[in-house]
Amino acid sequence: MRAAVVVNPTKHDDAQTLRDVVRAAMSQHGWSDPLWLETTIQDPGEGQAIEAVQAGVDLVLACGGDGTVTACAAGVATSGIPLAVLPAGTGNLLARNLGLPLDLGDALAVALTGSDRRLDMGLVNDRPFVVMAGIGFDAKMLGGASEPLKKQLGWAAYVVSALRHLRDRPMRVRLRADDGVLLRRRASAVVIGNVGSLQGGLPLLPDAEPDDGMLDLVVITARGWASWLRVAADVLRRRRASGRLTQRAR
């Protein structure tokens, strides 16, 4: 059995130690020395995952954040080759939602000895996602958290970025879920999720399941501290029904 490791080098300060730990785990569990592929700015993992599949490996391990995992998922989709996750990002939302360990050693043990599970994949403008996709506040928050800030503050970098956009004006959106009624409204954020929990286990999409063949949607309309606090309260209460500030669909 041979695996390929697709690693985001920006997420690791000591690449040699990482290689040594991975190789030792492979040897311990009876696997051959792995194929090692690094992501680049131009290709965050999809091309490397495709290369691994074409090389005939039995398993691809994505070692990085959710961006690396998503890109690798696109590369192995429909190939029949399983994808394992070695979380090394700031949020690691897919691993957290699936209950996968965040510790490298434990994650390797699961990757090499665990059972397979099929997951849904969404597409936005022909780009895949396995966690969430969003426009508005969500996208601004993620885009505003730079790599240096994430290295310095961890997940709190997203909080810092979010605070800059709490008073942004809502945008005009038109939405239709499946063949339902066309919805026109102003929205601060539109988030579509294959999984439902944010950092800290906050259930933004409490009904979302990664393998139920459905995507869950929430439209948030808020501006300023008071309305965002009410949205936060709805999320903490795991509110499923649509309200004045949130509208949900599947």
C-alpha atoms as a PDB file:
ATOM      1  CA  MET A   1       0.000   0.000   0.000  1.00  0.00           C
ATOM      2  CA  ARG A   2       1.295   3.438  -0.903  1.00  0.00           C
ATOM      3  CA  ALA A   3      -0.095   6.865  -0.096  1.00  0.00           C
ATOM      4  CA  ALA A   4       0.558  10.367  -1.376  1.00  0.00           C
ATOM      5  CA  VAL A   5       0.891  13.343   0.943  1.00  0.00           C
ATOM      6  CA  VAL A   6      -0.182  16.686  -0.517  1.00  0.00           C
ATOM      7  CA  VAL A   7       1.216  19.270   1.873  1.00  0.00           C
ATOM      8  CA  ASN A   8       0.871  23.030   2.050  1.00  0.00           C
ATOM      9  CA  PRO A   9       4.424  24.092   2.967  1.00  0.00           C
ATOM     10  CA  THR A  10       3.290  27.462   4.339  1.00  0.00           C
ATOM     11  CA  LYS A  11       1.495  25.687   7.189  1.00  0.00           C
ATOM     12  CA  HIS A  12       4.630  23.991   8.553  1.00  0.00           C
ATOM     13  CA  ASP A  13       7.743  25.594  10.007  1.00  0.00           C
ATOM     14  CA  ASP A  14       9.693  22.317  10.156  1.00  0.00           C
ATOM     15  CA  ALA A  15       9.084  20.362   6.974  1.00  0.00           C
ATOM     16  CA  GLN A  16      11.685  17.686   7.758  1.00  0.00           C
ATOM     17  CA  THR A  17      10.118  16.833  11.109  1.00  0.00           C
ATOM     18  CA  LEU A  18       6.744  16.521   9.407  1.00  0.00           C
ATOM     19  CA  ARG A  19       8.208  14.147   6.813  1.00  0.00           C
ATOM     20  CA  ASP A  20       9.854  12.061   9.524  1.00  0.00           C
ATOM     21  CA  VAL A  21       6.635  11.755  11.540  1.00  0.00           C
ATOM     22  CA  VAL A  22       4.582  10.803   8.470  1.00  0.00           C
ATOM     23  CA  ARG A  23       7.131   8.260   7.243  1.00  0.00           C
ATOM     24  CA  ALA A  24       7.377   6.680  10.690  1.00  0.00           C
ATOM     25  CA  ALA A  25       3.586   6.309  10.867  1.00  0.00           C
ATOM     26  CA  MET A  26       3.515   4.806   7.375  1.00  0.00           C
ATOM     27  CA  SER A  27       6.181   2.288   8.293  1.00  0.00           C
ATOM     28  CA  GLN A  28       4.494   1.421  11.583  1.00  0.00           C
ATOM     29  CA  HIS A  29       1.222   0.608   9.835  1.00  0.00           C
ATOM     30  CA  GLY A  30       2.791  -1.358   6.970  1.00  0.00           C
ATOM     31  CA  TRP A  31       2.631   1.313   4.261  1.00  0.00           C
ATOM     32  CA  SER A  32       5.396   2.071   1.760  1.00  0.00           C
ATOM     33  CA  ASP A  33       7.321   5.353   1.764  1.00  0.00           C
ATOM     34  CA  PRO A  34       4.802   7.971   0.558  1.00  0.00           C
ATOM     35  CA  LEU A  35       4.786  10.086  -2.560  1.00  0.00           C
ATOM     36  CA  TRP A  36       5.382  13.657  -1.339  1.00  0.00           C
ATOM     37  CA  LEU A  37       3.813  16.572  -3.241  1.00  0.00           C
ATOM     38  CA  GLU A  38       3.828  20.251  -2.210  1.00  0.00           C
ATOM     39  CA  THR A  39       1.163  22.787  -3.099  1.00  0.00           C
ATOM     40  CA  THR A  40       1.990  26.106  -4.748  1.00  0.00           C
ATOM     41  CA  ILE A  41       0.364  29.511  -4.992  1.00  0.00           C
ATOM     42  CA  GLN A  42      -0.713  28.619  -8.526  1.00  0.00           C
ATOM     43  CA  ASP A  43      -2.037  25.165  -7.557  1.00  0.00           C
ATOM     44  CA  PRO A  44      -3.281  24.766  -3.974  1.00  0.00           C
ATOM     45  CA  GLY A  45      -3.669  21.006  -4.245  1.00  0.00           C
ATOM     46  CA  GLU A  46      -5.973  19.838  -7.034  1.00  0.00           C
ATOM     47  CA  GLY A  47      -3.221  19.204  -9.565  1.00  0.00           C
ATOM     48  CA  GLN A  48      -1.107  17.403  -6.995  1.00  0.00           C
ATOM     49  CA  ALA A  49      -4.043  15.180  -6.010  1.00  0.00           C
ATOM     50  CA  ILE A  50      -4.674  14.356  -9.668  1.00  0.00           C
ATOM     51  CA  GLU A  51      -0.993  13.499 -10.068  1.00  0.00           C
ATOM     52  CA  ALA A  52      -1.238  11.197  -7.060  1.00  0.00           C
ATOM     53  CA  VAL A  53      -4.295   9.433  -8.492  1.00  0.00           C
ATOM     54  CA  GLN A  54      -2.538   8.978 -11.825  1.00  0.00           C
ATOM     55  CA  ALA A  55       0.451   7.513  -9.976  1.00  0.00           C
ATOM     56  CA  GLY A  56      -1.819   4.753  -8.684  1.00  0.00           C
ATOM     57  CA  VAL A  57      -1.664   5.473  -4.958  1.00  0.00           C
ATOM     58  CA  ASP A  58      -4.127   3.852  -2.576  1.00  0.00           C
ATOM     59  CA  LEU A  59      -4.727   6.962  -0.459  1.00  0.00           C
ATOM     60  CA  VAL A  60      -4.232  10.731  -0.658  1.00  0.00           C
ATOM     61  CA  LEU A  61      -3.546  12.686   2.523  1.00  0.00           C
ATOM     62  CA  ALA A  62      -4.262  16.414   2.461  1.00  0.00           C
ATOM     63  CA  CYS A  63      -1.979  18.175   4.931  1.00  0.00           C
ATOM     64  CA  GLY A  64      -2.998  21.807   5.304  1.00  0.00           C
ATOM     65  CA  GLY A  65      -6.024  23.974   5.949  1.00  0.00           C
ATOM     66  CA  ASP A  66      -9.535  23.750   4.527  1.00  0.00           C
ATOM     67  CA  GLY A  67      -8.339  25.302   1.266  1.00  0.00           C
ATOM     68  CA  THR A  68      -5.814  22.526   0.743  1.00  0.00           C
ATOM     69  CA  VAL A  69      -8.357  19.875   1.706  1.00  0.00           C
ATOM     70  CA  THR A  70     -10.953  21.286  -0.684  1.00  0.00           C
ATOM     71  CA  ALA A  71      -8.486  21.425  -3.566  1.00  0.00           C
ATOM     72  CA  CYS A  72      -7.407  17.832  -2.933  1.00  0.00           C
ATOM     73  CA  ALA A  73     -11.037  16.743  -2.726  1.00  0.00           C
ATOM     74  CA  ALA A  74     -11.557  18.163  -6.211  1.00  0.00           C
ATOM     75  CA  GLY A  75      -8.565  16.167  -7.434  1.00  0.00           C
ATOM     76  CA  VAL A  76      -9.732  12.806  -6.082  1.00  0.00           C
ATOM     77  CA  ALA A  77     -13.481  13.227  -6.687  1.00  0.00           C
ATOM     78  CA  THR A  78     -14.968  10.320  -8.670  1.00  0.00           C
ATOM     79  CA  SER A  79     -11.573   8.541  -8.739  1.00  0.00           C
ATOM     80  CA  GLY A  80     -12.434   6.035  -6.036  1.00  0.00           C
ATOM     81  CA  ILE A  81      -9.236   6.945  -4.174  1.00  0.00           C
ATOM     82  CA  PRO A  82     -10.003   7.955  -0.570  1.00  0.00           C
ATOM     83  CA  LEU A  83      -8.879  11.283   0.870  1.00  0.00           C
ATOM     84  CA  ALA A  84      -7.597  11.615   4.429  1.00  0.00           C
ATOM     85  CA  VAL A  85      -7.149  14.866   6.343  1.00  0.00           C
ATOM     86  CA  LEU A  86      -4.101  15.912   8.342  1.00  0.00           C
ATOM     87  CA  PRO A  87      -5.385  19.225   9.754  1.00  0.00           C
ATOM     88  CA  ALA A  88      -2.810  22.014   9.720  1.00  0.00           C
ATOM     89  CA  GLY A  89      -4.886  25.126   9.111  1.00  0.00           C
ATOM     90  CA  THR A  90      -6.443  27.883  11.174  1.00  0.00           C
ATOM     91  CA  GLY A  91     -10.053  26.733  11.124  1.00  0.00           C
ATOM     92  CA  ASN A  92      -9.858  23.052  10.108  1.00  0.00           C
ATOM     93  CA  LEU A  93     -13.637  23.113   9.767  1.00  0.00           C
ATOM     94  CA  LEU A  94     -14.028  19.921   7.773  1.00  0.00           C
ATOM     95  CA  ALA A  95     -12.012  17.922  10.300  1.00  0.00           C
ATOM     96  CA  ARG A  96     -13.936  19.439  13.207  1.00  0.00           C
ATOM     97  CA  ASN A  97     -17.326  18.796  11.617  1.00  0.00           C
ATOM     98  CA  LEU A  98     -16.403  15.190  10.826  1.00  0.00           C
ATOM     99  CA  GLY A  99     -15.000  14.586  14.305  1.00  0.00           C
ATOM    100  CA  LEU A 100     -11.501  13.904  12.971  1.00  0.00           C
ATOM    101  CA  PRO A 101      -8.547  14.394  15.342  1.00  0.00           C
ATOM    102  CA  LEU A 102      -6.502  17.574  15.055  1.00  0.00           C
ATOM    103  CA  ASP A 103      -3.335  16.055  16.516  1.00  0.00           C
ATOM    104  CA  LEU A 104      -0.972  14.922  13.748  1.00  0.00           C
ATOM    105  CA  GLY A 105      -0.235  11.500  15.216  1.00  0.00           C
ATOM    106  CA  ASP A 106      -3.881  10.715  15.888  1.00  0.00           C
ATOM    107  CA  ALA A 107      -4.901  12.024  12.454  1.00  0.00           C
ATOM    108  CA  LEU A 108      -2.317   9.763  10.815  1.00  0.00           C
ATOM    109  CA  ALA A 109      -3.627   6.756  12.722  1.00  0.00           C
ATOM    110  CA  VAL A 110      -7.162   7.459  11.510  1.00  0.00           C
ATOM    111  CA  ALA A 111      -5.951   8.101   7.954  1.00  0.00           C
ATOM    112  CA  LEU A 112      -4.080   4.779   7.754  1.00  0.00           C
ATOM    113  CA  THR A 113      -6.434   2.521   9.699  1.00  0.00           C
ATOM    114  CA  GLY A 114      -9.864   4.180   9.622  1.00  0.00           C
ATOM    115  CA  SER A 115     -12.914   3.382   7.516  1.00  0.00           C
ATOM    116  CA  ASP A 116     -14.040   5.232   4.387  1.00  0.00           C
ATOM    117  CA  ARG A 117     -17.019   7.595   4.320  1.00  0.00           C
ATOM    118  CA  ARG A 118     -18.563   9.175   1.248  1.00  0.00           C
ATOM    119  CA  LEU A 119     -19.128  12.941   1.365  1.00  0.00           C
ATOM    120  CA  ASP A 120     -21.177  15.333  -0.737  1.00  0.00           C
ATOM    121  CA  MET A 121     -19.454  18.046  -2.755  1.00  0.00           C
ATOM    122  CA  GLY A 122     -20.923  21.366  -3.839  1.00  0.00           C
ATOM    123  CA  LEU A 123     -20.003  23.473  -6.858  1.00  0.00           C
ATOM    124  CA  VAL A 124     -19.921  27.270  -7.093  1.00  0.00           C
ATOM    125  CA  ASN A 125     -18.951  28.705 -10.483  1.00  0.00           C
ATOM    126  CA  ASP A 126     -17.493  25.240 -11.262  1.00  0.00           C
ATOM    127  CA  ARG A 127     -15.278  25.425  -8.163  1.00  0.00           C
ATOM    128  CA  PRO A 128     -15.868  22.659  -5.603  1.00  0.00           C
ATOM    129  CA  PHE A 129     -16.395  22.964  -1.876  1.00  0.00           C
ATOM    130  CA  VAL A 130     -16.879  20.383   0.860  1.00  0.00           C
ATOM    131  CA  VAL A 131     -17.292  22.759   3.808  1.00  0.00           C
ATOM    132  CA  MET A 132     -19.094  26.027   3.056  1.00  0.00           C
ATOM    133  CA  ALA A 133     -19.307  28.678   0.370  1.00  0.00           C
ATOM    134  CA  GLY A 134     -20.445  32.225   0.949  1.00  0.00           C
ATOM    135  CA  ILE A 135     -20.763  35.763  -0.369  1.00  0.00           C
ATOM    136  CA  GLY A 136     -20.913  39.018   1.527  1.00  0.00           C
ATOM    137  CA  PHE A 137     -19.785  39.157   5.152  1.00  0.00           C
ATOM    138  CA  ASP A 138     -18.513  35.584   5.178  1.00  0.00           C
ATOM    139  CA  ALA A 139     -16.307  36.095   2.139  1.00  0.00           C
ATOM    140  CA  LYS A 140     -15.020  39.458   3.386  1.00  0.00           C
ATOM    141  CA  MET A 141     -14.143  37.977   6.764  1.00  0.00           C
ATOM    142  CA  LEU A 142     -12.160  35.114   5.224  1.00  0.00           C
ATOM    143  CA  GLY A 143     -10.519  37.341   2.625  1.00  0.00           C
ATOM    144  CA  GLY A 144      -9.497  39.901   5.237  1.00  0.00           C
ATOM    145  CA  ALA A 145      -7.651  37.403   7.440  1.00  0.00           C
ATOM    146  CA  SER A 146      -4.149  37.376   5.976  1.00  0.00           C
ATOM    147  CA  GLU A 147      -1.724  34.495   6.401  1.00  0.00           C
ATOM    148  CA  PRO A 148       0.614  36.548   8.658  1.00  0.00           C
ATOM    149  CA  LEU A 149      -2.352  37.534  10.835  1.00  0.00           C
ATOM    150  CA  LYS A 150      -3.523  33.910  11.070  1.00  0.00           C
ATOM    151  CA  LYS A 151      -0.030  32.769  12.038  1.00  0.00           C
ATOM    152  CA  GLN A 152       0.062  35.411  14.761  1.00  0.00           C
ATOM    153  CA  LEU A 153      -3.473  35.136  16.158  1.00  0.00           C
ATOM    154  CA  GLY A 154      -4.809  31.777  15.006  1.00  0.00           C
ATOM    155  CA  TRP A 155      -8.602  31.631  14.550  1.00  0.00           C
ATOM    156  CA  ALA A 156      -8.893  35.022  16.325  1.00  0.00           C
ATOM    157  CA  ALA A 157      -7.640  36.536  13.057  1.00  0.00           C
ATOM    158  CA  TYR A 158     -11.117  35.892  11.643  1.00  0.00           C
ATOM    159  CA  VAL A 159     -12.660  37.798  14.555  1.00  0.00           C
ATOM    160  CA  VAL A 160     -10.407  40.774  13.873  1.00  0.00           C
ATOM    161  CA  SER A 161     -11.339  40.662  10.203  1.00  0.00           C
ATOM    162  CA  ALA A 162     -15.062  40.315  10.991  1.00  0.00           C
ATOM    163  CA  LEU A 163     -15.088  43.404  13.213  1.00  0.00           C
ATOM    164  CA  ARG A 164     -14.088  45.519  10.215  1.00  0.00           C
ATOM    165  CA  HIS A 165     -17.272  44.594   8.340  1.00  0.00           C
ATOM    166  CA  LEU A 166     -20.031  44.660  10.959  1.00  0.00           C
ATOM    167  CA  ARG A 167     -21.393  47.951   9.617  1.00  0.00           C
ATOM    168  CA  ASP A 168     -21.147  47.126   5.906  1.00  0.00           C
ATOM    169  CA  ARG A 169     -24.314  47.804   3.935  1.00  0.00           C
ATOM    170  CA  PRO A 170     -26.299  44.709   2.911  1.00  0.00           C
ATOM    171  CA  MET A 171     -26.240  43.709  -0.762  1.00  0.00           C
ATOM    172  CA  ARG A 172     -29.172  42.915  -3.034  1.00  0.00           C
ATOM    173  CA  VAL A 173     -29.566  39.206  -3.734  1.00  0.00           C
ATOM    174  CA  ARG A 174     -31.908  36.897  -5.630  1.00  0.00           C
ATOM    175  CA  LEU A 175     -32.105  33.290  -4.509  1.00  0.00           C
ATOM    176  CA  ARG A 176     -33.975  30.191  -5.510  1.00  0.00           C
ATOM    177  CA  ALA A 177     -33.567  26.855  -3.733  1.00  0.00           C
ATOM    178  CA  ASP A 178     -34.240  24.001  -6.164  1.00  0.00           C
ATOM    179  CA  ASP A 179     -37.535  24.887  -7.897  1.00  0.00           C
ATOM    180  CA  GLY A 180     -38.869  27.046  -5.088  1.00  0.00           C
ATOM    181  CA  VAL A 181     -40.074  30.630  -5.098  1.00  0.00           C
ATOM    182  CA  LEU A 182     -37.574  33.290  -6.187  1.00  0.00           C
ATOM    183  CA  LEU A 183     -36.490  35.275  -3.133  1.00  0.00           C
ATOM    184  CA  ARG A 184     -35.443  38.913  -3.438  1.00  0.00           C
ATOM    185  CA  ARG A 185     -34.005  40.636  -0.417  1.00  0.00           C
ATOM    186  CA  ARG A 186     -31.092  42.536   1.020  1.00  0.00           C
ATOM    187  CA  ALA A 187     -28.502  40.322   2.644  1.00  0.00           C
ATOM    188  CA  SER A 188     -25.324  40.816   4.611  1.00  0.00           C
ATOM    189  CA  ALA A 189     -24.240  37.250   3.935  1.00  0.00           C
ATOM    190  CA  VAL A 190     -25.375  34.167   2.053  1.00  0.00           C
ATOM    191  CA  VAL A 191     -23.781  30.921   3.225  1.00  0.00           C
ATOM    192  CA  ILE A 192     -24.314  27.503   1.641  1.00  0.00           C
ATOM    193  CA  GLY A 193     -22.974  24.599   3.661  1.00  0.00           C
ATOM    194  CA  ASN A 194     -22.250  20.925   3.280  1.00  0.00           C
ATOM    195  CA  VAL A 195     -21.435  20.924   7.005  1.00  0.00           C
ATOM    196  CA  GLY A 196     -22.927  23.198   9.623  1.00  0.00           C
ATOM    197  CA  SER A 197     -20.572  24.180  12.441  1.00  0.00           C
ATOM    198  CA  LEU A 198     -18.165  27.095  12.604  1.00  0.00           C
ATOM    199  CA  GLN A 199     -15.118  27.545  14.817  1.00  0.00           C
ATOM    200  CA  GLY A 200     -15.917  26.684  18.405  1.00  0.00           C
ATOM    201  CA  GLY A 201     -18.773  24.408  17.350  1.00  0.00           C
ATOM    202  CA  LEU A 202     -21.160  27.286  16.558  1.00  0.00           C
ATOM    203  CA  PRO A 203     -24.040  25.652  14.616  1.00  0.00           C
ATOM    204  CA  LEU A 204     -24.606  28.102  11.752  1.00  0.00           C
ATOM    205  CA  LEU A 205     -26.456  25.402   9.773  1.00  0.00           C
ATOM    206  CA  PRO A 206     -27.694  23.014  12.479  1.00  0.00           C
ATOM    207  CA  ASP A 207     -29.382  20.572  10.062  1.00  0.00           C
ATOM    208  CA  ALA A 208     -26.446  20.212   7.666  1.00  0.00           C
ATOM    209  CA  GLU A 209     -25.063  16.700   7.169  1.00  0.00           C
ATOM    210  CA  PRO A 210     -22.043  16.038   4.939  1.00  0.00           C
ATOM    211  CA  ASP A 211     -23.503  12.930   3.295  1.00  0.00           C
ATOM    212  CA  ASP A 212     -27.266  13.512   2.989  1.00  0.00           C
ATOM    213  CA  GLY A 213     -27.273  14.666  -0.635  1.00  0.00           C
ATOM    214  CA  MET A 214     -28.452  18.149   0.381  1.00  0.00           C
ATOM    215  CA  LEU A 215     -26.891  21.577   0.851  1.00  0.00           C
ATOM    216  CA  ASP A 216     -28.151  23.937   3.555  1.00  0.00           C
ATOM    217  CA  LEU A 217     -28.549  27.682   3.074  1.00  0.00           C
ATOM    218  CA  VAL A 218     -28.771  30.642   5.423  1.00  0.00           C
ATOM    219  CA  VAL A 219     -29.321  34.251   4.386  1.00  0.00           C
ATOM    220  CA  ILE A 220     -28.336  36.782   7.047  1.00  0.00           C
ATOM    221  CA  THR A 221     -29.435  40.413   7.009  1.00  0.00           C
ATOM    222  CA  ALA A 222     -27.779  42.493   9.705  1.00  0.00           C
ATOM    223  CA  ARG A 223     -26.001  45.784  10.094  1.00  0.00           C
ATOM    224  CA  GLY A 224     -24.337  47.025  13.240  1.00  0.00           C
ATOM    225  CA  TRP A 225     -23.598  45.472  16.612  1.00  0.00           C
ATOM    226  CA  ALA A 226     -27.178  45.063  17.813  1.00  0.00           C
ATOM    227  CA  SER A 227     -28.454  43.071  14.846  1.00  0.00           C
ATOM    228  CA  TRP A 228     -25.309  40.949  14.617  1.00  0.00           C
ATOM    229  CA  LEU A 229     -25.666  40.111  18.325  1.00  0.00           C
ATOM    230  CA  ARG A 230     -29.232  38.940  17.643  1.00  0.00           C
ATOM    231  CA  VAL A 231     -27.941  36.770  14.789  1.00  0.00           C
ATOM    232  CA  ALA A 232     -25.313  35.322  17.139  1.00  0.00           C
ATOM    233  CA  ALA A 233     -28.032  34.574  19.694  1.00  0.00           C
ATOM    234  CA  ASP A 234     -30.088  32.735  17.052  1.00  0.00           C
ATOM    235  CA  VAL A 235     -27.038  30.653  16.105  1.00  0.00           C
ATOM    236  CA  LEU A 236     -26.226  29.805  19.717  1.00  0.00           C
ATOM    237  CA  ARG A 237     -29.834  28.725  20.297  1.00  0.00           C
ATOM    238  CA  ARG A 238     -29.550  26.481  17.209  1.00  0.00           C
ATOM    239  CA  ARG A 239     -32.588  28.236  15.787  1.00  0.00           C
ATOM    240  CA  ARG A 240     -33.766  26.411  12.662  1.00  0.00           C
ATOM    241  CA  ALA A 241     -36.790  28.486  11.655  1.00  0.00           C
ATOM    242  CA  SER A 242     -36.459  31.534   9.434  1.00  0.00           C
ATOM    243  CA  GLY A 243     -36.756  34.895  11.163  1.00  0.00           C
ATOM    244  CA  ARG A 244     -36.370  38.596  10.494  1.00  0.00           C
ATOM    245  CA  LEU A 245     -32.580  38.427  10.393  1.00  0.00           C
ATOM    246  CA  THR A 246     -32.067  34.913   9.055  1.00  0.00           C
ATOM    247  CA  GLN A 247     -33.768  32.930   6.319  1.00  0.00           C
ATOM    248  CA  ARG A 248     -33.063  29.242   5.813  1.00  0.00           C
ATOM    249  CA  ALA A 249     -33.571  26.749   3.015  1.00  0.00           C
ATOM    250  CA  ARG A 250     -32.264  23.348   1.876  1.00  0.00           C
END
